[in-house]
């Protein structure tokens, strides 16, 4: 279980509070107006921003002072964070060992991850030669190899067309179910939230609220969310 215990984040005049829990294995969307603090919340959970007060816990273990690399999570950004000078296989290898000291077993795992994400035959290609959908698959395959119990998706599929995005969301759901992964996904698209996430955290007016059923929230959104999503 992910617990944000009386968390407070301050950056200049911006402030965000969160006091909530996300059950293990849940898939939860994070929605709210632009600038409300969704990405800031993710960066804090990942360890890139230190909170002003409160604690971050995973299954009772406090993560608040832990380095980003030591936290039990992977995070996918919209830019995929692939290294352009490395091949697809090497980018995946970083999910196993940052120094790319890989055993025969590690290489076998990379081959399996390539097959699992539909990237067979692309292991020697550089990211620049891949389509946007293929780059998204590489980033997801690397997260698959890391096998961390918490996956944060900060709109990594936002630039994809509807069909490709739906395909990636289905793949995330499949992998998350297999591994028991807890997924948090920043989204501006109600359809994406409905597709992947039974529950949603609303971030608005300086607070991240406890998860609530996605359908109920979107069928009867509060004014701040209705104004953002439009008719």
C-alpha atoms as a PDB file:
ATOM      1  CA  UNK A   1       0.000   0.000   0.000  1.00  0.00           C
ATOM      2  CA  UNK A   2       1.168   3.500  -0.871  1.00  0.00           C
ATOM      3  CA  UNK A   3       0.452   5.973   1.912  1.00  0.00           C
ATOM      4  CA  UNK A   4       0.844   9.738   1.738  1.00  0.00           C
ATOM      5  CA  UNK A   5       0.665  10.694   5.396  1.00  0.00           C
ATOM      6  CA  UNK A   6      -0.192  14.352   5.958  1.00  0.00           C
ATOM      7  CA  UNK A   7       2.080  15.249   3.051  1.00  0.00           C
ATOM      8  CA  UNK A   8       2.697  18.896   2.225  1.00  0.00           C
ATOM      9  CA  UNK A   9       4.661  20.138  -0.775  1.00  0.00           C
ATOM     10  CA  UNK A  10       5.676  23.778  -1.148  1.00  0.00           C
ATOM     11  CA  UNK A  11       7.425  25.432  -4.088  1.00  0.00           C
ATOM     12  CA  UNK A  12       7.428  29.215  -3.900  1.00  0.00           C
ATOM     13  CA  UNK A  13       3.790  30.265  -3.651  1.00  0.00           C
ATOM     14  CA  UNK A  14       2.555  26.837  -4.698  1.00  0.00           C
ATOM     15  CA  UNK A  15       1.389  24.372  -2.049  1.00  0.00           C
ATOM     16  CA  UNK A  16      -0.198  20.937  -2.257  1.00  0.00           C
ATOM     17  CA  UNK A  17      -1.376  18.614   0.500  1.00  0.00           C
ATOM     18  CA  UNK A  18      -2.160  14.898   0.363  1.00  0.00           C
ATOM     19  CA  UNK A  19      -3.389  12.538   3.066  1.00  0.00           C
ATOM     20  CA  UNK A  20      -4.440   9.313   1.365  1.00  0.00           C
ATOM     21  CA  UNK A  21      -3.678   5.651   0.675  1.00  0.00           C
ATOM     22  CA  UNK A  22      -3.650   3.560  -2.501  1.00  0.00           C
ATOM     23  CA  UNK A  23      -4.117  -0.210  -2.041  1.00  0.00           C
ATOM     24  CA  UNK A  24      -1.540  -2.623  -3.428  1.00  0.00           C
ATOM     25  CA  UNK A  25      -2.373  -3.658  -6.988  1.00  0.00           C
ATOM     26  CA  UNK A  26      -4.785  -0.763  -7.570  1.00  0.00           C
ATOM     27  CA  UNK A  27      -4.821   1.219 -10.808  1.00  0.00           C
ATOM     28  CA  UNK A  28      -5.584   4.865 -10.048  1.00  0.00           C
ATOM     29  CA  UNK A  29      -5.843   7.863 -12.370  1.00  0.00           C
ATOM     30  CA  UNK A  30      -4.652  11.276 -11.188  1.00  0.00           C
ATOM     31  CA  UNK A  31      -6.709  14.066 -12.718  1.00  0.00           C
ATOM     32  CA  UNK A  32      -7.152  17.780 -12.239  1.00  0.00           C
ATOM     33  CA  UNK A  33      -6.676  21.186 -13.857  1.00  0.00           C
ATOM     34  CA  UNK A  34      -3.369  22.173 -15.440  1.00  0.00           C
ATOM     35  CA  UNK A  35      -0.988  23.513 -12.811  1.00  0.00           C
ATOM     36  CA  UNK A  36      -2.831  21.814  -9.948  1.00  0.00           C
ATOM     37  CA  UNK A  37       0.258  19.778  -9.014  1.00  0.00           C
ATOM     38  CA  UNK A  38      -0.193  16.323 -10.554  1.00  0.00           C
ATOM     39  CA  UNK A  39       3.375  16.037 -11.884  1.00  0.00           C
ATOM     40  CA  UNK A  40       4.718  17.695  -8.737  1.00  0.00           C
ATOM     41  CA  UNK A  41       2.995  15.014  -6.672  1.00  0.00           C
ATOM     42  CA  UNK A  42       4.597  12.289  -8.810  1.00  0.00           C
ATOM     43  CA  UNK A  43       8.031  13.905  -8.553  1.00  0.00           C
ATOM     44  CA  UNK A  44       7.660  13.959  -4.775  1.00  0.00           C
ATOM     45  CA  UNK A  45       6.620  10.310  -4.585  1.00  0.00           C
ATOM     46  CA  UNK A  46       9.588   9.446  -6.843  1.00  0.00           C
ATOM     47  CA  UNK A  47      12.024  11.394  -4.657  1.00  0.00           C
ATOM     48  CA  UNK A  48      12.923  14.227  -7.023  1.00  0.00           C
ATOM     49  CA  UNK A  49      11.214  16.795  -4.779  1.00  0.00           C
ATOM     50  CA  UNK A  50      11.367  16.744  -0.985  1.00  0.00           C
ATOM     51  CA  UNK A  51       8.099  17.466   0.840  1.00  0.00           C
ATOM     52  CA  UNK A  52       7.901  20.252   3.381  1.00  0.00           C
ATOM     53  CA  UNK A  53       6.090  18.012   5.854  1.00  0.00           C
ATOM     54  CA  UNK A  54       4.562  14.564   6.155  1.00  0.00           C
ATOM     55  CA  UNK A  55       5.665  11.099   5.087  1.00  0.00           C
ATOM     56  CA  UNK A  56       5.603   8.777   2.081  1.00  0.00           C
ATOM     57  CA  UNK A  57       5.298   5.090   2.945  1.00  0.00           C
ATOM     58  CA  UNK A  58       5.204   1.865   0.960  1.00  0.00           C
ATOM     59  CA  UNK A  59       3.804  -1.104   2.885  1.00  0.00           C
ATOM     60  CA  UNK A  60       4.727   0.654   6.121  1.00  0.00           C
ATOM     61  CA  UNK A  61       8.327   1.440   5.109  1.00  0.00           C
ATOM     62  CA  UNK A  62       9.063   5.149   4.966  1.00  0.00           C
ATOM     63  CA  UNK A  63      10.449   6.420   1.659  1.00  0.00           C
ATOM     64  CA  UNK A  64      10.518  10.143   2.428  1.00  0.00           C
ATOM     65  CA  UNK A  65      14.300  10.453   2.820  1.00  0.00           C
ATOM     66  CA  UNK A  66      15.192   7.601   0.459  1.00  0.00           C
ATOM     67  CA  UNK A  67      17.083   8.369  -2.772  1.00  0.00           C
ATOM     68  CA  UNK A  68      15.067   8.130  -6.022  1.00  0.00           C
ATOM     69  CA  UNK A  69      17.007   5.052  -7.154  1.00  0.00           C
ATOM     70  CA  UNK A  70      16.310   3.243  -3.917  1.00  0.00           C
ATOM     71  CA  UNK A  71      12.542   3.617  -4.043  1.00  0.00           C
ATOM     72  CA  UNK A  72      10.392   0.643  -5.072  1.00  0.00           C
ATOM     73  CA  UNK A  73       9.005   2.347  -8.155  1.00  0.00           C
ATOM     74  CA  UNK A  74       9.462   3.131 -11.828  1.00  0.00           C
ATOM     75  CA  UNK A  75       8.248   6.337 -13.478  1.00  0.00           C
ATOM     76  CA  UNK A  76       7.501   6.873 -17.169  1.00  0.00           C
ATOM     77  CA  UNK A  77       7.481  10.401 -18.569  1.00  0.00           C
ATOM     78  CA  UNK A  78       6.070  11.719 -21.844  1.00  0.00           C
ATOM     79  CA  UNK A  79       9.587  12.037 -23.310  1.00  0.00           C
ATOM     80  CA  UNK A  80      10.251   8.349 -22.437  1.00  0.00           C
ATOM     81  CA  UNK A  81      13.740   9.234 -21.058  1.00  0.00           C
ATOM     82  CA  UNK A  82      15.553   6.929 -23.508  1.00  0.00           C
ATOM     83  CA  UNK A  83      19.287   7.368 -24.093  1.00  0.00           C
ATOM     84  CA  UNK A  84      19.757   8.256 -27.789  1.00  0.00           C
ATOM     85  CA  UNK A  85      23.319   6.883 -28.057  1.00  0.00           C
ATOM     86  CA  UNK A  86      22.315   3.438 -26.765  1.00  0.00           C
ATOM     87  CA  UNK A  87      20.537   0.681 -28.628  1.00  0.00           C
ATOM     88  CA  UNK A  88      17.097  -0.562 -27.667  1.00  0.00           C
ATOM     89  CA  UNK A  89      18.636  -3.579 -25.930  1.00  0.00           C
ATOM     90  CA  UNK A  90      21.078  -1.368 -24.009  1.00  0.00           C
ATOM     91  CA  UNK A  91      18.282   0.975 -22.938  1.00  0.00           C
ATOM     92  CA  UNK A  92      16.425  -2.061 -21.624  1.00  0.00           C
ATOM     93  CA  UNK A  93      19.581  -3.320 -19.927  1.00  0.00           C
ATOM     94  CA  UNK A  94      19.676  -0.143 -17.844  1.00  0.00           C
ATOM     95  CA  UNK A  95      16.525  -1.411 -16.134  1.00  0.00           C
ATOM     96  CA  UNK A  96      18.574  -4.328 -14.816  1.00  0.00           C
ATOM     97  CA  UNK A  97      21.971  -2.721 -14.162  1.00  0.00           C
ATOM     98  CA  UNK A  98      22.775   0.987 -14.645  1.00  0.00           C
ATOM     99  CA  UNK A  99      26.358   0.001 -15.549  1.00  0.00           C
ATOM    100  CA  UNK A 100      25.145  -2.550 -18.131  1.00  0.00           C
ATOM    101  CA  UNK A 101      27.068  -5.383 -16.516  1.00  0.00           C
ATOM    102  CA  UNK A 102      24.689  -8.047 -17.754  1.00  0.00           C
ATOM    103  CA  UNK A 103      24.787 -11.806 -17.390  1.00  0.00           C
ATOM    104  CA  UNK A 104      23.547 -14.380 -19.879  1.00  0.00           C
ATOM    105  CA  UNK A 105      20.376 -14.612 -17.785  1.00  0.00           C
ATOM    106  CA  UNK A 106      19.960 -10.830 -17.993  1.00  0.00           C
ATOM    107  CA  UNK A 107      20.242 -10.927 -21.790  1.00  0.00           C
ATOM    108  CA  UNK A 108      17.622 -13.676 -21.858  1.00  0.00           C
ATOM    109  CA  UNK A 109      15.313 -11.478 -19.776  1.00  0.00           C
ATOM    110  CA  UNK A 110      15.828  -8.605 -22.236  1.00  0.00           C
ATOM    111  CA  UNK A 111      14.917 -10.896 -25.129  1.00  0.00           C
ATOM    112  CA  UNK A 112      11.765 -11.933 -23.284  1.00  0.00           C
ATOM    113  CA  UNK A 113      10.834  -8.290 -22.564  1.00  0.00           C
ATOM    114  CA  UNK A 114      11.334  -7.405 -26.246  1.00  0.00           C
ATOM    115  CA  UNK A 115       8.993 -10.208 -27.249  1.00  0.00           C
ATOM    116  CA  UNK A 116       6.489  -9.315 -24.512  1.00  0.00           C
ATOM    117  CA  UNK A 117       6.205  -5.737 -25.804  1.00  0.00           C
ATOM    118  CA  UNK A 118       6.285  -6.484 -29.528  1.00  0.00           C
ATOM    119  CA  UNK A 119       9.831  -5.222 -30.125  1.00  0.00           C
ATOM    120  CA  UNK A 120      11.422  -8.352 -31.560  1.00  0.00           C
ATOM    121  CA  UNK A 121      14.101  -7.565 -34.130  1.00  0.00           C
ATOM    122  CA  UNK A 122      14.559  -3.969 -32.931  1.00  0.00           C
ATOM    123  CA  UNK A 123      17.152  -4.638 -30.229  1.00  0.00           C
ATOM    124  CA  UNK A 124      20.029  -3.036 -32.192  1.00  0.00           C
ATOM    125  CA  UNK A 125      18.108   0.057 -33.307  1.00  0.00           C
ATOM    126  CA  UNK A 126      18.652   3.503 -31.747  1.00  0.00           C
ATOM    127  CA  UNK A 127      15.651   5.352 -30.281  1.00  0.00           C
ATOM    128  CA  UNK A 128      15.691   8.041 -32.992  1.00  0.00           C
ATOM    129  CA  UNK A 129      14.929   5.407 -35.626  1.00  0.00           C
ATOM    130  CA  UNK A 130      11.803   4.218 -33.798  1.00  0.00           C
ATOM    131  CA  UNK A 131       8.241   5.429 -34.048  1.00  0.00           C
ATOM    132  CA  UNK A 132       6.610   7.115 -31.068  1.00  0.00           C
ATOM    133  CA  UNK A 133       4.702   3.947 -30.264  1.00  0.00           C
ATOM    134  CA  UNK A 134       7.867   1.858 -30.402  1.00  0.00           C
ATOM    135  CA  UNK A 135       9.677   4.289 -28.092  1.00  0.00           C
ATOM    136  CA  UNK A 136       6.784   4.001 -25.639  1.00  0.00           C
ATOM    137  CA  UNK A 137       7.114   0.227 -25.759  1.00  0.00           C
ATOM    138  CA  UNK A 138      10.859   0.445 -25.042  1.00  0.00           C
ATOM    139  CA  UNK A 139      10.208   2.609 -21.971  1.00  0.00           C
ATOM    140  CA  UNK A 140       7.495   0.216 -20.786  1.00  0.00           C
ATOM    141  CA  UNK A 141       9.731  -2.813 -21.413  1.00  0.00           C
ATOM    142  CA  UNK A 142      12.456  -1.218 -19.288  1.00  0.00           C
ATOM    143  CA  UNK A 143       9.952  -0.694 -16.482  1.00  0.00           C
ATOM    144  CA  UNK A 144       8.886  -4.326 -16.900  1.00  0.00           C
ATOM    145  CA  UNK A 145      12.490  -5.442 -16.395  1.00  0.00           C
ATOM    146  CA  UNK A 146      12.844  -3.272 -13.298  1.00  0.00           C
ATOM    147  CA  UNK A 147       9.833  -5.123 -11.867  1.00  0.00           C
ATOM    148  CA  UNK A 148       9.202  -2.486  -9.196  1.00  0.00           C
ATOM    149  CA  UNK A 149       5.876  -2.832  -7.380  1.00  0.00           C
ATOM    150  CA  UNK A 150       4.790   0.778  -8.031  1.00  0.00           C
ATOM    151  CA  UNK A 151       4.528   2.301 -11.529  1.00  0.00           C
ATOM    152  CA  UNK A 152       3.966   6.030 -12.060  1.00  0.00           C
ATOM    153  CA  UNK A 153       2.783   7.055 -15.538  1.00  0.00           C
ATOM    154  CA  UNK A 154       3.142  10.809 -16.126  1.00  0.00           C
ATOM    155  CA  UNK A 155       1.324  10.951 -19.472  1.00  0.00           C
ATOM    156  CA  UNK A 156       3.887   8.784 -21.311  1.00  0.00           C
ATOM    157  CA  UNK A 157       1.388   7.994 -24.082  1.00  0.00           C
ATOM    158  CA  UNK A 158      -0.106  11.477 -24.533  1.00  0.00           C
ATOM    159  CA  UNK A 159       1.573  12.038 -27.920  1.00  0.00           C
ATOM    160  CA  UNK A 160       0.261   8.792 -29.401  1.00  0.00           C
ATOM    161  CA  UNK A 161      -2.810   8.476 -31.589  1.00  0.00           C
ATOM    162  CA  UNK A 162      -5.987   6.977 -30.118  1.00  0.00           C
ATOM    163  CA  UNK A 163      -5.404   3.433 -31.422  1.00  0.00           C
ATOM    164  CA  UNK A 164      -1.770   3.252 -30.268  1.00  0.00           C
ATOM    165  CA  UNK A 165      -2.627   4.791 -26.907  1.00  0.00           C
ATOM    166  CA  UNK A 166      -5.406   2.266 -26.333  1.00  0.00           C
ATOM    167  CA  UNK A 167      -2.945  -0.513 -27.215  1.00  0.00           C
ATOM    168  CA  UNK A 168      -0.381   0.773 -24.709  1.00  0.00           C
ATOM    169  CA  UNK A 169      -2.979   1.139 -21.946  1.00  0.00           C
ATOM    170  CA  UNK A 170      -4.119  -2.431 -22.545  1.00  0.00           C
ATOM    171  CA  UNK A 171      -0.501  -3.612 -22.335  1.00  0.00           C
ATOM    172  CA  UNK A 172       0.012  -1.721 -19.065  1.00  0.00           C
ATOM    173  CA  UNK A 173      -3.138  -3.293 -17.623  1.00  0.00           C
ATOM    174  CA  UNK A 174      -2.016  -6.763 -18.691  1.00  0.00           C
ATOM    175  CA  UNK A 175       1.503  -6.422 -17.262  1.00  0.00           C
ATOM    176  CA  UNK A 176       0.247  -4.779 -14.060  1.00  0.00           C
ATOM    177  CA  UNK A 177      -2.207  -7.627 -13.492  1.00  0.00           C
ATOM    178  CA  UNK A 178       0.507 -10.235 -14.053  1.00  0.00           C
ATOM    179  CA  UNK A 179       2.995  -8.582 -11.693  1.00  0.00           C
ATOM    180  CA  UNK A 180       0.533  -7.215  -9.124  1.00  0.00           C
ATOM    181  CA  UNK A 181       1.829  -3.711  -9.849  1.00  0.00           C
ATOM    182  CA  UNK A 182       0.220  -0.649  -8.297  1.00  0.00           C
ATOM    183  CA  UNK A 183      -0.286   1.954 -11.046  1.00  0.00           C
ATOM    184  CA  UNK A 184      -0.806   5.708 -10.746  1.00  0.00           C
ATOM    185  CA  UNK A 185      -1.466   7.507 -14.039  1.00  0.00           C
ATOM    186  CA  UNK A 186      -1.656  11.250 -14.661  1.00  0.00           C
ATOM    187  CA  UNK A 187      -4.285  11.775 -17.342  1.00  0.00           C
ATOM    188  CA  UNK A 188      -6.181  14.614 -18.986  1.00  0.00           C
ATOM    189  CA  UNK A 189      -8.354  12.200 -20.951  1.00  0.00           C
ATOM    190  CA  UNK A 190     -11.452  10.809 -19.208  1.00  0.00           C
ATOM    191  CA  UNK A 191     -11.546   7.884 -21.637  1.00  0.00           C
ATOM    192  CA  UNK A 192      -8.004   6.855 -20.653  1.00  0.00           C
ATOM    193  CA  UNK A 193      -8.934   7.022 -16.988  1.00  0.00           C
ATOM    194  CA  UNK A 194     -12.027   4.899 -17.572  1.00  0.00           C
ATOM    195  CA  UNK A 195     -10.048   2.378 -19.629  1.00  0.00           C
ATOM    196  CA  UNK A 196      -7.234   1.713 -17.163  1.00  0.00           C
ATOM    197  CA  UNK A 197      -8.221   3.004 -13.739  1.00  0.00           C
ATOM    198  CA  UNK A 198     -11.261   2.019 -11.666  1.00  0.00           C
ATOM    199  CA  UNK A 199     -10.406   4.802  -9.182  1.00  0.00           C
ATOM    200  CA  UNK A 200      -9.207   8.392  -9.499  1.00  0.00           C
ATOM    201  CA  UNK A 201      -7.368  10.884  -7.299  1.00  0.00           C
ATOM    202  CA  UNK A 202      -8.605  14.418  -7.932  1.00  0.00           C
ATOM    203  CA  UNK A 203      -5.905  17.086  -7.589  1.00  0.00           C
ATOM    204  CA  UNK A 204      -7.400  20.569  -7.296  1.00  0.00           C
ATOM    205  CA  UNK A 205      -7.490  23.624  -5.063  1.00  0.00           C
ATOM    206  CA  UNK A 206      -4.224  22.726  -3.331  1.00  0.00           C
ATOM    207  CA  UNK A 207      -5.118  19.169  -2.351  1.00  0.00           C
ATOM    208  CA  UNK A 208      -4.837  15.624  -3.688  1.00  0.00           C
ATOM    209  CA  UNK A 209      -8.008  13.878  -2.520  1.00  0.00           C
ATOM    210  CA  UNK A 210      -8.409  10.218  -1.579  1.00  0.00           C
ATOM    211  CA  UNK A 211      -9.165   7.846  -4.476  1.00  0.00           C
ATOM    212  CA  UNK A 212     -12.804   7.646  -5.509  1.00  0.00           C
ATOM    213  CA  UNK A 213     -14.580   5.588  -8.184  1.00  0.00           C
ATOM    214  CA  UNK A 214     -13.666   6.930 -11.623  1.00  0.00           C
ATOM    215  CA  UNK A 215     -17.129   6.477 -13.132  1.00  0.00           C
ATOM    216  CA  UNK A 216     -18.858   8.301 -10.293  1.00  0.00           C
ATOM    217  CA  UNK A 217     -16.376  11.168 -10.416  1.00  0.00           C
ATOM    218  CA  UNK A 218     -16.583  11.617 -14.179  1.00  0.00           C
ATOM    219  CA  UNK A 219     -20.343  11.177 -14.364  1.00  0.00           C
ATOM    220  CA  UNK A 220     -20.860  13.843 -11.723  1.00  0.00           C
ATOM    221  CA  UNK A 221     -17.655  15.917 -11.610  1.00  0.00           C
ATOM    222  CA  UNK A 222     -17.184  18.779  -9.162  1.00  0.00           C
ATOM    223  CA  UNK A 223     -17.199  22.214 -10.757  1.00  0.00           C
ATOM    224  CA  UNK A 224     -13.401  22.532 -10.804  1.00  0.00           C
ATOM    225  CA  UNK A 225     -13.097  19.324 -12.831  1.00  0.00           C
ATOM    226  CA  UNK A 226     -16.121  20.057 -15.028  1.00  0.00           C
ATOM    227  CA  UNK A 227     -14.667  23.428 -15.980  1.00  0.00           C
ATOM    228  CA  UNK A 228     -11.366  21.806 -16.886  1.00  0.00           C
ATOM    229  CA  UNK A 229     -12.773  18.880 -18.898  1.00  0.00           C
ATOM    230  CA  UNK A 230     -15.402  20.943 -20.679  1.00  0.00           C
ATOM    231  CA  UNK A 231     -18.768  19.687 -21.944  1.00  0.00           C
END
